[in-house]
Amino acid sequence: MKVTVVVPTKNEARSVAETLKRAAKFADELMIVDGHSTDDTISIAKKAVPSVKIIRQEGFGKGAGIRESIPHITGDVAVFIDADGSHIPEDIPKLVREIEKGADMAIASRFMGGSDEMTPLRFIMNKLVNFTINMLWGTGYTDTQNGFRAIRSDLLRRMDLKGEKFEIETEMCIKAAKLRANVTEIPSHEFSRLHGVSNQSLLRHGPYHLSTVIRELFRK
């Protein structure tokens, strides 16, 4: 089973090298999809892992980057992992193993593995979105919003994703439920990002998650 690891980046020059070097051990194909970085993210990525595939996204936002990466994925399984050092690349084989056992998507759950970045506001927002999706679509998600996950490439292409920003992960969970995909979760710890501050603002992006739920509720 060929594994493509996709690392969305935007101004992650200080942390991308470590993430790529660690993830490369578990990837048959490694790529970054870069969201208009203005620092040395791309050059550092190339130096860290010369074989890395560079996708320069045209749109803006993490969701746009993930969508634009899909045509370039050649693996049977796509693993998405953040570049900021908060995820554990050594958990990639655990996610892939779930796919090999029959899952269509496997999510690294922070609510099962713990988080160093889960503020009370983030906790409430995550729980609200999880509860709403589980209630509406009969699922059992514990963490719909963590970007660290593995998914069968054929399912990823069938999802017809529309998200532009961080709500893309929420949309993937809903689309998986609509397509009656087999989704599992594994415990994985989320560490504080290695450097800088997150590009995600909960107050700015939180409503996108909820609007995605509403949109998908009324979409066939």
N, C-alpha and C. Protein backbone atom coordinates (compact mmCIF):
# COMPACT_ATOMS: atom_id res chain seq x y z
N MET A 1 0.86 -1.19 0.00
CA MET A 1 0.00 0.00 0.00
C MET A 1 0.89 1.24 0.00
N LYS A 2 0.82 2.01 -1.06
CA LYS A 2 1.67 3.20 -1.19
C LYS A 2 1.09 4.36 -0.39
N VAL A 3 1.95 5.03 0.36
CA VAL A 3 1.52 6.11 1.26
C VAL A 3 2.08 7.45 0.79
N THR A 4 1.18 8.40 0.59
CA THR A 4 1.57 9.78 0.30
C THR A 4 1.33 10.62 1.54
N VAL A 5 2.36 11.29 2.03
CA VAL A 5 2.21 12.18 3.18
C VAL A 5 2.18 13.62 2.66
N VAL A 6 1.12 14.33 3.00
CA VAL A 6 0.91 15.70 2.54
C VAL A 6 1.04 16.64 3.74
N VAL A 7 1.90 17.64 3.60
CA VAL A 7 2.15 18.58 4.68
C VAL A 7 1.77 19.99 4.22
N PRO A 8 0.61 20.50 4.64
CA PRO A 8 0.25 21.89 4.30
C PRO A 8 1.18 22.85 5.02
N THR A 9 1.65 23.87 4.33
CA THR A 9 2.57 24.83 4.95
C THR A 9 2.18 26.26 4.61
N LYS A 10 2.51 27.13 5.54
CA LYS A 10 2.46 28.57 5.31
C LYS A 10 3.37 29.23 6.35
N ASN A 11 4.51 29.72 5.88
CA ASN A 11 5.47 30.38 6.76
C ASN A 11 5.86 29.49 7.95
N GLU A 12 6.30 28.27 7.63
CA GLU A 12 6.71 27.33 8.66
C GLU A 12 8.20 27.01 8.52
N ALA A 13 9.00 28.01 8.16
CA ALA A 13 10.43 27.79 7.91
C ALA A 13 11.16 27.21 9.12
N ARG A 14 10.72 27.56 10.32
CA ARG A 14 11.45 27.14 11.51
C ARG A 14 11.10 25.72 11.97
N SER A 15 10.03 25.16 11.46
CA SER A 15 9.62 23.84 11.94
C SER A 15 9.46 22.81 10.83
N VAL A 16 9.39 23.23 9.56
CA VAL A 16 9.07 22.30 8.49
C VAL A 16 10.14 21.23 8.31
N ALA A 17 11.42 21.56 8.51
CA ALA A 17 12.49 20.59 8.27
C ALA A 17 12.36 19.38 9.18
N GLU A 18 12.14 19.62 10.46
CA GLU A 18 12.01 18.49 11.40
C GLU A 18 10.80 17.64 11.07
N THR A 19 9.67 18.29 10.75
CA THR A 19 8.47 17.53 10.41
C THR A 19 8.70 16.67 9.18
N LEU A 20 9.30 17.23 8.14
CA LEU A 20 9.53 16.48 6.91
C LEU A 20 10.50 15.32 7.12
N LYS A 21 11.59 15.57 7.83
CA LYS A 21 12.57 14.51 8.05
C LYS A 21 11.97 13.33 8.80
N ARG A 22 11.15 13.63 9.78
CA ARG A 22 10.52 12.55 10.55
C ARG A 22 9.43 11.85 9.75
N ALA A 23 8.64 12.61 9.00
CA ALA A 23 7.55 12.01 8.21
C ALA A 23 8.07 11.21 7.03
N ALA A 24 9.20 11.61 6.48
CA ALA A 24 9.75 10.94 5.29
C ALA A 24 10.02 9.47 5.52
N LYS A 25 10.30 9.09 6.76
CA LYS A 25 10.59 7.69 7.09
C LYS A 25 9.40 6.77 6.81
N PHE A 26 8.21 7.36 6.77
CA PHE A 26 6.99 6.56 6.65
C PHE A 26 6.25 6.84 5.35
N ALA A 27 6.88 7.56 4.42
CA ALA A 27 6.21 7.99 3.19
C ALA A 27 6.87 7.39 1.96
N ASP A 28 6.05 6.89 1.06
CA ASP A 28 6.54 6.52 -0.27
C ASP A 28 6.61 7.76 -1.16
N GLU A 29 5.77 8.72 -0.84
CA GLU A 29 5.74 10.00 -1.54
C GLU A 29 5.50 11.07 -0.50
N LEU A 30 6.34 12.10 -0.51
CA LEU A 30 6.21 13.19 0.46
C LEU A 30 6.05 14.50 -0.28
N MET A 31 5.04 15.26 0.10
CA MET A 31 4.83 16.55 -0.56
C MET A 31 4.43 17.61 0.44
N ILE A 32 4.78 18.85 0.11
CA ILE A 32 4.21 19.98 0.83
C ILE A 32 3.33 20.74 -0.15
N VAL A 33 2.24 21.25 0.36
CA VAL A 33 1.40 22.13 -0.43
C VAL A 33 1.47 23.47 0.28
N ASP A 34 2.09 24.44 -0.38
CA ASP A 34 2.45 25.68 0.29
C ASP A 34 1.47 26.80 -0.03
N GLY A 35 0.99 27.42 1.03
CA GLY A 35 -0.01 28.48 0.90
C GLY A 35 0.58 29.87 0.87
N HIS A 36 1.40 30.14 -0.14
CA HIS A 36 1.94 31.49 -0.37
C HIS A 36 2.86 31.94 0.76
N SER A 37 3.78 31.07 1.17
CA SER A 37 4.75 31.45 2.21
C SER A 37 5.60 32.62 1.74
N THR A 38 5.90 33.50 2.68
CA THR A 38 6.77 34.64 2.38
C THR A 38 8.13 34.48 3.05
N ASP A 39 8.35 33.35 3.71
CA ASP A 39 9.65 33.08 4.33
C ASP A 39 10.37 32.00 3.52
N ASP A 40 11.30 31.28 4.13
CA ASP A 40 12.11 30.29 3.42
C ASP A 40 11.57 28.87 3.54
N THR A 41 10.27 28.73 3.77
CA THR A 41 9.68 27.41 3.95
C THR A 41 10.06 26.46 2.81
N ILE A 42 9.89 26.88 1.57
CA ILE A 42 10.10 25.98 0.44
C ILE A 42 11.56 25.59 0.29
N SER A 43 12.46 26.54 0.37
CA SER A 43 13.88 26.22 0.21
C SER A 43 14.38 25.33 1.34
N ILE A 44 13.91 25.56 2.55
CA ILE A 44 14.31 24.73 3.68
C ILE A 44 13.75 23.32 3.53
N ALA A 45 12.52 23.22 3.03
CA ALA A 45 11.91 21.91 2.80
C ALA A 45 12.73 21.11 1.79
N LYS A 46 13.13 21.75 0.71
CA LYS A 46 13.93 21.08 -0.32
C LYS A 46 15.28 20.62 0.22
N LYS A 47 15.87 21.43 1.06
CA LYS A 47 17.16 21.08 1.64
C LYS A 47 17.02 19.93 2.63
N ALA A 48 15.94 19.94 3.39
CA ALA A 48 15.73 18.91 4.41
C ALA A 48 15.48 17.55 3.78
N VAL A 49 14.61 17.51 2.76
CA VAL A 49 14.29 16.26 2.06
C VAL A 49 14.28 16.58 0.56
N PRO A 50 15.39 16.39 -0.13
CA PRO A 50 15.48 16.78 -1.54
C PRO A 50 14.41 16.16 -2.44
N SER A 51 13.89 15.00 -2.06
CA SER A 51 12.89 14.33 -2.90
C SER A 51 11.48 14.86 -2.68
N VAL A 52 11.29 15.80 -1.76
CA VAL A 52 9.95 16.28 -1.47
C VAL A 52 9.34 16.94 -2.70
N LYS A 53 8.07 16.66 -2.91
CA LYS A 53 7.32 17.26 -4.02
C LYS A 53 6.72 18.58 -3.53
N ILE A 54 6.92 19.64 -4.28
CA ILE A 54 6.43 20.97 -3.88
C ILE A 54 5.22 21.35 -4.72
N ILE A 55 4.11 21.60 -4.06
CA ILE A 55 2.90 22.07 -4.72
C ILE A 55 2.64 23.49 -4.23
N ARG A 56 2.70 24.44 -5.12
CA ARG A 56 2.41 25.83 -4.76
C ARG A 56 0.94 26.10 -5.05
N GLN A 57 0.16 26.25 -3.99
CA GLN A 57 -1.27 26.39 -4.19
C GLN A 57 -1.63 27.75 -4.78
N GLU A 58 -2.71 27.75 -5.53
CA GLU A 58 -3.20 28.98 -6.14
C GLU A 58 -4.19 29.69 -5.23
N GLY A 59 -5.05 28.91 -4.57
CA GLY A 59 -6.04 29.51 -3.68
C GLY A 59 -5.44 29.86 -2.34
N PHE A 60 -6.26 30.40 -1.46
CA PHE A 60 -5.81 30.83 -0.14
C PHE A 60 -6.56 30.05 0.93
N GLY A 61 -5.81 29.58 1.92
CA GLY A 61 -6.40 28.83 3.01
C GLY A 61 -6.00 27.37 2.98
N LYS A 62 -6.02 26.74 4.17
CA LYS A 62 -5.61 25.34 4.27
C LYS A 62 -6.49 24.43 3.44
N GLY A 63 -7.79 24.68 3.46
CA GLY A 63 -8.70 23.85 2.68
C GLY A 63 -8.40 23.88 1.19
N ALA A 64 -8.12 25.08 0.70
CA ALA A 64 -7.78 25.22 -0.71
C ALA A 64 -6.51 24.43 -1.02
N GLY A 65 -5.54 24.48 -0.10
CA GLY A 65 -4.31 23.74 -0.32
C GLY A 65 -4.53 22.25 -0.36
N ILE A 66 -5.32 21.73 0.57
CA ILE A 66 -5.61 20.29 0.58
C ILE A 66 -6.32 19.88 -0.70
N ARG A 67 -7.29 20.66 -1.12
CA ARG A 67 -8.01 20.32 -2.35
C ARG A 67 -7.07 20.32 -3.55
N GLU A 68 -6.17 21.29 -3.61
CA GLU A 68 -5.26 21.38 -4.75
C GLU A 68 -4.19 20.29 -4.72
N SER A 69 -3.97 19.69 -3.57
CA SER A 69 -2.99 18.61 -3.48
C SER A 69 -3.53 17.30 -4.04
N ILE A 70 -4.84 17.13 -4.03
CA ILE A 70 -5.45 15.84 -4.36
C ILE A 70 -5.05 15.31 -5.73
N PRO A 71 -5.07 16.11 -6.81
CA PRO A 71 -4.69 15.57 -8.12
C PRO A 71 -3.24 15.10 -8.19
N HIS A 72 -2.41 15.53 -7.26
CA HIS A 72 -0.99 15.19 -7.28
C HIS A 72 -0.66 13.96 -6.42
N ILE A 73 -1.63 13.47 -5.68
CA ILE A 73 -1.41 12.32 -4.79
C ILE A 73 -1.41 11.04 -5.60
N THR A 74 -0.33 10.29 -5.52
CA THR A 74 -0.24 9.03 -6.27
C THR A 74 -0.36 7.81 -5.35
N GLY A 75 -0.35 8.01 -4.05
CA GLY A 75 -0.45 6.89 -3.12
C GLY A 75 -1.86 6.35 -2.99
N ASP A 76 -1.95 5.13 -2.49
CA ASP A 76 -3.26 4.53 -2.20
C ASP A 76 -3.88 5.19 -0.97
N VAL A 77 -3.02 5.68 -0.10
CA VAL A 77 -3.44 6.33 1.14
C VAL A 77 -2.78 7.69 1.22
N ALA A 78 -3.56 8.69 1.60
CA ALA A 78 -3.01 10.03 1.85
C ALA A 78 -3.03 10.28 3.34
N VAL A 79 -1.90 10.73 3.86
CA VAL A 79 -1.82 11.11 5.27
C VAL A 79 -1.56 12.61 5.32
N PHE A 80 -2.40 13.33 6.02
CA PHE A 80 -2.24 14.78 6.19
C PHE A 80 -1.70 15.04 7.60
N ILE A 81 -0.65 15.85 7.66
CA ILE A 81 -0.04 16.17 8.94
C ILE A 81 0.44 17.61 8.91
N ASP A 82 0.25 18.34 10.01
CA ASP A 82 0.64 19.74 10.05
C ASP A 82 2.16 19.89 10.12
N ALA A 83 2.63 21.04 9.67
CA ALA A 83 4.07 21.31 9.58
C ALA A 83 4.64 21.92 10.85
N ASP A 84 3.80 22.28 11.81
CA ASP A 84 4.26 23.09 12.93
C ASP A 84 4.86 22.31 14.09
N GLY A 85 4.95 20.99 13.95
CA GLY A 85 5.54 20.18 15.01
C GLY A 85 4.58 19.74 16.09
N SER A 86 3.31 20.05 15.95
CA SER A 86 2.34 19.67 16.98
C SER A 86 1.90 18.21 16.88
N HIS A 87 2.03 17.62 15.69
CA HIS A 87 1.65 16.23 15.49
C HIS A 87 2.87 15.32 15.57
N ILE A 88 2.62 14.04 15.79
CA ILE A 88 3.69 13.06 15.96
C ILE A 88 3.84 12.23 14.69
N PRO A 89 4.82 12.51 13.85
CA PRO A 89 4.98 11.73 12.61
C PRO A 89 5.13 10.24 12.84
N GLU A 90 5.67 9.87 13.98
CA GLU A 90 5.85 8.44 14.28
C GLU A 90 4.51 7.71 14.46
N ASP A 91 3.41 8.47 14.53
CA ASP A 91 2.08 7.85 14.59
C ASP A 91 1.51 7.57 13.21
N ILE A 92 2.21 7.98 12.16
CA ILE A 92 1.73 7.72 10.80
C ILE A 92 1.49 6.23 10.56
N PRO A 93 2.42 5.34 10.93
CA PRO A 93 2.15 3.91 10.71
C PRO A 93 0.91 3.40 11.43
N LYS A 94 0.59 3.98 12.58
CA LYS A 94 -0.62 3.56 13.29
C LYS A 94 -1.87 3.92 12.49
N LEU A 95 -1.86 5.11 11.88
CA LEU A 95 -3.00 5.51 11.05
C LEU A 95 -3.10 4.63 9.82
N VAL A 96 -1.98 4.38 9.16
CA VAL A 96 -1.98 3.56 7.96
C VAL A 96 -2.42 2.13 8.28
N ARG A 97 -2.02 1.65 9.45
CA ARG A 97 -2.41 0.29 9.85
C ARG A 97 -3.93 0.17 9.95
N GLU A 98 -4.60 1.23 10.39
CA GLU A 98 -6.06 1.22 10.45
C GLU A 98 -6.67 1.08 9.05
N ILE A 99 -6.05 1.73 8.09
CA ILE A 99 -6.52 1.61 6.70
C ILE A 99 -6.29 0.18 6.20
N GLU A 100 -5.13 -0.36 6.50
CA GLU A 100 -4.83 -1.73 6.08
C GLU A 100 -5.79 -2.73 6.70
N LYS A 101 -6.31 -2.41 7.87
CA LYS A 101 -7.26 -3.30 8.55
C LYS A 101 -8.68 -3.13 8.04
N GLY A 102 -8.91 -2.13 7.16
CA GLY A 102 -10.24 -1.99 6.56
C GLY A 102 -10.90 -0.64 6.72
N ALA A 103 -10.29 0.27 7.47
CA ALA A 103 -10.87 1.60 7.61
C ALA A 103 -10.68 2.39 6.31
N ASP A 104 -11.61 3.31 6.06
CA ASP A 104 -11.49 4.21 4.91
C ASP A 104 -10.81 5.52 5.31
N MET A 105 -10.98 5.90 6.56
CA MET A 105 -10.31 7.08 7.10
C MET A 105 -9.98 6.82 8.56
N ALA A 106 -8.80 7.26 8.98
CA ALA A 106 -8.39 7.12 10.37
C ALA A 106 -7.92 8.47 10.89
N ILE A 107 -8.47 8.90 12.01
CA ILE A 107 -8.18 10.22 12.57
C ILE A 107 -7.36 10.06 13.84
N ALA A 108 -6.35 10.91 13.97
CA ALA A 108 -5.57 10.97 15.21
C ALA A 108 -6.32 11.86 16.19
N SER A 109 -6.89 11.26 17.19
CA SER A 109 -7.76 12.01 18.11
C SER A 109 -7.00 12.59 19.29
N ARG A 110 -7.13 13.90 19.46
CA ARG A 110 -6.54 14.58 20.60
C ARG A 110 -7.34 14.33 21.87
N PHE A 111 -8.62 14.01 21.72
CA PHE A 111 -9.45 13.76 22.89
C PHE A 111 -9.20 12.37 23.45
N MET A 112 -8.54 11.53 22.67
CA MET A 112 -8.11 10.21 23.15
C MET A 112 -6.65 10.23 23.59
N GLY A 113 -5.85 11.12 22.99
CA GLY A 113 -4.42 11.14 23.27
C GLY A 113 -3.92 12.34 24.03
N GLY A 114 -4.75 13.37 24.19
CA GLY A 114 -4.35 14.55 24.94
C GLY A 114 -3.81 15.65 24.05
N SER A 115 -3.82 16.86 24.58
CA SER A 115 -3.36 18.03 23.83
C SER A 115 -2.75 19.07 24.75
N ASP A 116 -1.66 19.68 24.27
CA ASP A 116 -1.05 20.78 25.01
C ASP A 116 -1.58 22.14 24.54
N GLU A 117 -2.41 22.13 23.52
CA GLU A 117 -2.89 23.38 22.94
C GLU A 117 -4.40 23.55 23.03
N MET A 118 -5.08 22.65 23.75
CA MET A 118 -6.53 22.69 23.82
C MET A 118 -7.00 23.68 24.89
N THR A 119 -7.20 24.92 24.47
CA THR A 119 -7.72 25.94 25.38
C THR A 119 -9.19 25.65 25.68
N PRO A 120 -9.73 26.22 26.74
CA PRO A 120 -11.15 25.99 27.04
C PRO A 120 -12.07 26.34 25.88
N LEU A 121 -11.78 27.43 25.16
CA LEU A 121 -12.63 27.83 24.05
C LEU A 121 -12.54 26.83 22.90
N ARG A 122 -11.33 26.37 22.60
CA ARG A 122 -11.17 25.35 21.56
C ARG A 122 -11.86 24.06 21.96
N PHE A 123 -11.76 23.71 23.24
CA PHE A 123 -12.40 22.50 23.74
C PHE A 123 -13.91 22.56 23.51
N ILE A 124 -14.51 23.68 23.87
CA ILE A 124 -15.96 23.84 23.72
C ILE A 124 -16.36 23.78 22.25
N MET A 125 -15.61 24.48 21.39
CA MET A 125 -15.93 24.48 19.97
C MET A 125 -15.82 23.08 19.37
N ASN A 126 -14.75 22.38 19.70
CA ASN A 126 -14.58 21.03 19.19
C ASN A 126 -15.70 20.11 19.65
N LYS A 127 -16.01 20.18 20.93
CA LYS A 127 -17.07 19.32 21.46
C LYS A 127 -18.42 19.63 20.82
N LEU A 128 -18.69 20.91 20.58
CA LEU A 128 -19.94 21.31 19.97
C LEU A 128 -20.06 20.76 18.55
N VAL A 129 -18.99 20.90 17.77
CA VAL A 129 -19.01 20.40 16.40
C VAL A 129 -19.10 18.87 16.39
N ASN A 130 -18.32 18.22 17.25
CA ASN A 130 -18.38 16.75 17.33
C ASN A 130 -19.80 16.28 17.66
N PHE A 131 -20.39 16.89 18.69
CA PHE A 131 -21.73 16.48 19.12
C PHE A 131 -22.75 16.67 18.01
N THR A 132 -22.68 17.80 17.33
CA THR A 132 -23.67 18.10 16.28
C THR A 132 -23.56 17.11 15.13
N ILE A 133 -22.34 16.84 14.69
CA ILE A 133 -22.15 15.89 13.59
C ILE A 133 -22.59 14.49 14.01
N ASN A 134 -22.21 14.07 15.20
CA ASN A 134 -22.59 12.74 15.67
C ASN A 134 -24.10 12.60 15.78
N MET A 135 -24.76 13.65 16.21
CA MET A 135 -26.22 13.61 16.36
C MET A 135 -26.91 13.57 15.01
N LEU A 136 -26.43 14.38 14.06
CA LEU A 136 -27.10 14.49 12.76
C LEU A 136 -26.82 13.31 11.84
N TRP A 137 -25.61 12.75 11.92
CA TRP A 137 -25.24 11.69 10.98
C TRP A 137 -24.98 10.34 11.65
N GLY A 138 -25.28 10.24 12.93
CA GLY A 138 -25.17 8.95 13.60
C GLY A 138 -23.75 8.41 13.70
N THR A 139 -22.79 9.30 13.80
CA THR A 139 -21.39 8.90 13.87
C THR A 139 -20.91 8.89 15.33
N GLY A 140 -19.66 8.51 15.53
CA GLY A 140 -19.12 8.45 16.88
C GLY A 140 -17.79 9.15 17.00
N TYR A 141 -17.62 10.25 16.27
CA TYR A 141 -16.36 10.97 16.28
C TYR A 141 -16.05 11.55 17.66
N THR A 142 -14.76 11.52 18.02
CA THR A 142 -14.31 12.26 19.20
C THR A 142 -13.54 13.51 18.81
N ASP A 143 -13.02 13.55 17.56
CA ASP A 143 -12.20 14.69 17.14
C ASP A 143 -12.35 14.91 15.64
N THR A 144 -13.34 15.71 15.26
CA THR A 144 -13.59 15.96 13.83
C THR A 144 -12.65 16.99 13.23
N GLN A 145 -11.92 17.72 14.07
CA GLN A 145 -11.20 18.89 13.56
C GLN A 145 -9.68 18.75 13.54
N ASN A 146 -9.16 17.62 14.01
CA ASN A 146 -7.71 17.47 13.96
C ASN A 146 -7.27 17.17 12.53
N GLY A 147 -6.26 17.91 12.06
CA GLY A 147 -5.81 17.74 10.68
C GLY A 147 -4.95 16.53 10.44
N PHE A 148 -4.53 15.83 11.48
CA PHE A 148 -3.69 14.65 11.36
C PHE A 148 -4.57 13.44 11.12
N ARG A 149 -4.55 12.92 9.91
CA ARG A 149 -5.44 11.82 9.55
C ARG A 149 -4.95 11.12 8.30
N ALA A 150 -5.39 9.88 8.13
CA ALA A 150 -5.11 9.10 6.92
C ALA A 150 -6.43 8.78 6.25
N ILE A 151 -6.42 8.76 4.92
CA ILE A 151 -7.64 8.50 4.17
C ILE A 151 -7.31 7.81 2.85
N ARG A 152 -8.15 6.88 2.46
CA ARG A 152 -7.97 6.24 1.16
C ARG A 152 -8.10 7.30 0.06
N SER A 153 -7.18 7.27 -0.87
CA SER A 153 -7.15 8.31 -1.90
C SER A 153 -8.41 8.29 -2.76
N ASP A 154 -8.94 7.10 -3.03
CA ASP A 154 -10.15 7.04 -3.85
C ASP A 154 -11.33 7.67 -3.13
N LEU A 155 -11.42 7.49 -1.81
CA LEU A 155 -12.48 8.14 -1.04
C LEU A 155 -12.28 9.65 -1.04
N LEU A 156 -11.05 10.09 -0.88
CA LEU A 156 -10.75 11.52 -0.87
C LEU A 156 -11.23 12.19 -2.15
N ARG A 157 -11.04 11.53 -3.27
CA ARG A 157 -11.46 12.10 -4.56
C ARG A 157 -12.98 12.10 -4.70
N ARG A 158 -13.64 11.14 -4.10
CA ARG A 158 -15.10 11.06 -4.20
C ARG A 158 -15.80 12.10 -3.33
N MET A 159 -15.08 12.68 -2.38
CA MET A 159 -15.71 13.61 -1.43
C MET A 159 -16.11 14.93 -2.05
N ASP A 160 -15.49 15.32 -3.14
CA ASP A 160 -15.80 16.59 -3.80
C ASP A 160 -15.76 17.74 -2.78
N LEU A 161 -14.62 17.88 -2.14
CA LEU A 161 -14.48 18.86 -1.07
C LEU A 161 -14.59 20.29 -1.58
N LYS A 162 -15.16 21.15 -0.75
CA LYS A 162 -15.38 22.56 -1.12
C LYS A 162 -14.70 23.54 -0.17
N GLY A 163 -14.29 23.08 1.01
CA GLY A 163 -13.76 23.97 2.04
C GLY A 163 -12.53 24.74 1.60
N GLU A 164 -12.44 25.97 2.08
CA GLU A 164 -11.31 26.83 1.75
C GLU A 164 -10.33 26.98 2.91
N LYS A 165 -10.83 26.82 4.12
CA LYS A 165 -10.00 27.11 5.29
C LYS A 165 -9.91 25.88 6.19
N PHE A 166 -9.81 26.09 7.48
CA PHE A 166 -9.60 24.98 8.41
C PHE A 166 -10.84 24.09 8.55
N GLU A 167 -11.98 24.52 8.05
CA GLU A 167 -13.18 23.70 8.15
C GLU A 167 -13.13 22.49 7.24
N ILE A 168 -12.07 22.37 6.43
CA ILE A 168 -11.95 21.24 5.52
C ILE A 168 -11.99 19.90 6.27
N GLU A 169 -11.41 19.86 7.49
CA GLU A 169 -11.41 18.62 8.25
C GLU A 169 -12.82 18.24 8.70
N THR A 170 -13.60 19.24 9.11
CA THR A 170 -14.99 18.99 9.48
C THR A 170 -15.76 18.47 8.27
N GLU A 171 -15.54 19.08 7.12
CA GLU A 171 -16.23 18.65 5.90
C GLU A 171 -15.87 17.22 5.54
N MET A 172 -14.61 16.85 5.69
CA MET A 172 -14.19 15.48 5.38
C MET A 172 -14.93 14.47 6.26
N CYS A 173 -15.12 14.81 7.53
CA CYS A 173 -15.82 13.90 8.43
C CYS A 173 -17.29 13.75 8.04
N ILE A 174 -17.91 14.84 7.66
CA ILE A 174 -19.32 14.77 7.25
C ILE A 174 -19.45 14.00 5.94
N LYS A 175 -18.57 14.31 4.98
CA LYS A 175 -18.63 13.61 3.69
C LYS A 175 -18.38 12.11 3.88
N ALA A 176 -17.49 11.75 4.78
CA ALA A 176 -17.24 10.34 5.05
C ALA A 176 -18.50 9.66 5.56
N ALA A 177 -19.23 10.36 6.45
CA ALA A 177 -20.47 9.80 6.97
C ALA A 177 -21.51 9.65 5.87
N LYS A 178 -21.61 10.66 5.01
CA LYS A 178 -22.59 10.60 3.91
C LYS A 178 -22.28 9.47 2.94
N LEU A 179 -21.00 9.20 2.76
CA LEU A 179 -20.58 8.14 1.84
C LEU A 179 -20.51 6.78 2.53
N ARG A 180 -20.95 6.74 3.77
CA ARG A 180 -20.98 5.52 4.58
C ARG A 180 -19.59 4.87 4.66
N ALA A 181 -18.60 5.70 4.80
CA ALA A 181 -17.23 5.22 4.93
C ALA A 181 -16.98 4.70 6.35
N ASN A 182 -16.05 3.79 6.45
CA ASN A 182 -15.65 3.23 7.73
C ASN A 182 -14.55 4.12 8.32
N VAL A 183 -14.85 4.81 9.40
CA VAL A 183 -13.91 5.74 10.01
C VAL A 183 -13.53 5.26 11.40
N THR A 184 -12.23 5.25 11.68
CA THR A 184 -11.76 4.89 13.00
C THR A 184 -10.90 6.03 13.55
N GLU A 185 -10.58 5.96 14.82
CA GLU A 185 -9.71 6.96 15.45
C GLU A 185 -8.65 6.24 16.29
N ILE A 186 -7.49 6.87 16.40
CA ILE A 186 -6.44 6.36 17.27
C ILE A 186 -6.05 7.48 18.25
N PRO A 187 -5.56 7.13 19.43
CA PRO A 187 -5.07 8.17 20.34
C PRO A 187 -3.77 8.76 19.80
N SER A 188 -3.65 10.08 19.80
CA SER A 188 -2.40 10.73 19.41
C SER A 188 -2.33 12.07 20.14
N HIS A 189 -1.18 12.34 20.71
CA HIS A 189 -1.03 13.56 21.49
C HIS A 189 -0.70 14.75 20.59
N GLU A 190 -1.27 15.89 20.92
CA GLU A 190 -0.97 17.14 20.23
C GLU A 190 -0.07 17.98 21.12
N PHE A 191 1.14 18.28 20.63
CA PHE A 191 2.07 19.12 21.36
C PHE A 191 1.89 20.58 20.95
N SER A 192 2.45 21.47 21.73
CA SER A 192 2.46 22.88 21.33
C SER A 192 3.33 23.01 20.09
N ARG A 193 2.95 23.92 19.19
CA ARG A 193 3.73 24.11 17.98
C ARG A 193 5.16 24.52 18.35
N LEU A 194 6.11 24.13 17.51
CA LEU A 194 7.52 24.36 17.82
C LEU A 194 7.88 25.84 17.87
N HIS A 195 7.35 26.61 16.91
CA HIS A 195 7.73 28.02 16.81
C HIS A 195 6.52 28.86 16.39
N GLY A 196 6.56 30.13 16.73
CA GLY A 196 5.57 31.08 16.25
C GLY A 196 4.19 30.84 16.81
N VAL A 197 3.22 31.42 16.12
CA VAL A 197 1.83 31.31 16.54
C VAL A 197 1.03 30.71 15.40
N SER A 198 -0.09 30.12 15.74
CA SER A 198 -0.93 29.44 14.75
C SER A 198 -1.53 30.44 13.77
N ASN A 199 -1.71 29.95 12.52
CA ASN A 199 -2.41 30.75 11.53
C ASN A 199 -3.92 30.68 11.71
N GLN A 200 -4.36 29.83 12.63
CA GLN A 200 -5.78 29.64 12.85
C GLN A 200 -6.27 30.48 14.02
N SER A 201 -7.32 31.27 13.76
CA SER A 201 -7.98 32.03 14.81
C SER A 201 -9.34 31.39 15.07
N LEU A 202 -9.56 30.95 16.30
CA LEU A 202 -10.81 30.26 16.60
C LEU A 202 -12.01 31.16 16.37
N LEU A 203 -11.92 32.43 16.79
CA LEU A 203 -13.05 33.34 16.64
C LEU A 203 -13.33 33.62 15.16
N ARG A 204 -12.25 33.61 14.34
CA ARG A 204 -12.42 33.90 12.91
C ARG A 204 -12.85 32.65 12.13
N HIS A 205 -12.30 31.49 12.52
CA HIS A 205 -12.56 30.28 11.74
C HIS A 205 -13.63 29.38 12.35
N GLY A 206 -13.93 29.55 13.65
CA GLY A 206 -14.94 28.73 14.28
C GLY A 206 -16.27 28.72 13.55
N PRO A 207 -16.79 29.88 13.14
CA PRO A 207 -18.07 29.89 12.43
C PRO A 207 -18.05 29.10 11.12
N TYR A 208 -16.88 28.96 10.50
CA TYR A 208 -16.81 28.18 9.26
C TYR A 208 -17.14 26.72 9.52
N HIS A 209 -16.71 26.19 10.67
CA HIS A 209 -17.02 24.81 11.00
C HIS A 209 -18.53 24.62 11.13
N LEU A 210 -19.17 25.53 11.84
CA LEU A 210 -20.62 25.41 12.04
C LEU A 210 -21.38 25.64 10.75
N SER A 211 -20.93 26.58 9.92
CA SER A 211 -21.62 26.81 8.64
C SER A 211 -21.45 25.62 7.71
N THR A 212 -20.33 24.91 7.83
CA THR A 212 -20.12 23.70 7.04
C THR A 212 -21.13 22.63 7.43
N VAL A 213 -21.37 22.49 8.73
CA VAL A 213 -22.37 21.52 9.20
C VAL A 213 -23.74 21.87 8.64
N ILE A 214 -24.11 23.14 8.70
CA ILE A 214 -25.42 23.56 8.20
C ILE A 214 -25.53 23.35 6.70
N ARG A 215 -24.47 23.71 5.97
CA ARG A 215 -24.48 23.55 4.52
C ARG A 215 -24.64 22.09 4.13
N GLU A 216 -23.89 21.21 4.78
CA GLU A 216 -23.95 19.80 4.42
C GLU A 216 -25.25 19.13 4.87
N LEU A 217 -25.89 19.70 5.88
CA LEU A 217 -27.16 19.15 6.34
C LEU A 217 -28.22 19.26 5.23
N PHE A 218 -28.16 20.31 4.45
CA PHE A 218 -29.18 20.54 3.42
C PHE A 218 -28.69 20.19 2.01
N ARG A 219 -27.48 19.65 1.93
CA ARG A 219 -26.95 19.24 0.63
C ARG A 219 -27.08 17.72 0.51
N LYS A 220 -27.56 17.26 -0.61
CA LYS A 220 -27.73 15.82 -0.81
C LYS A 220 -26.37 15.15 -0.94
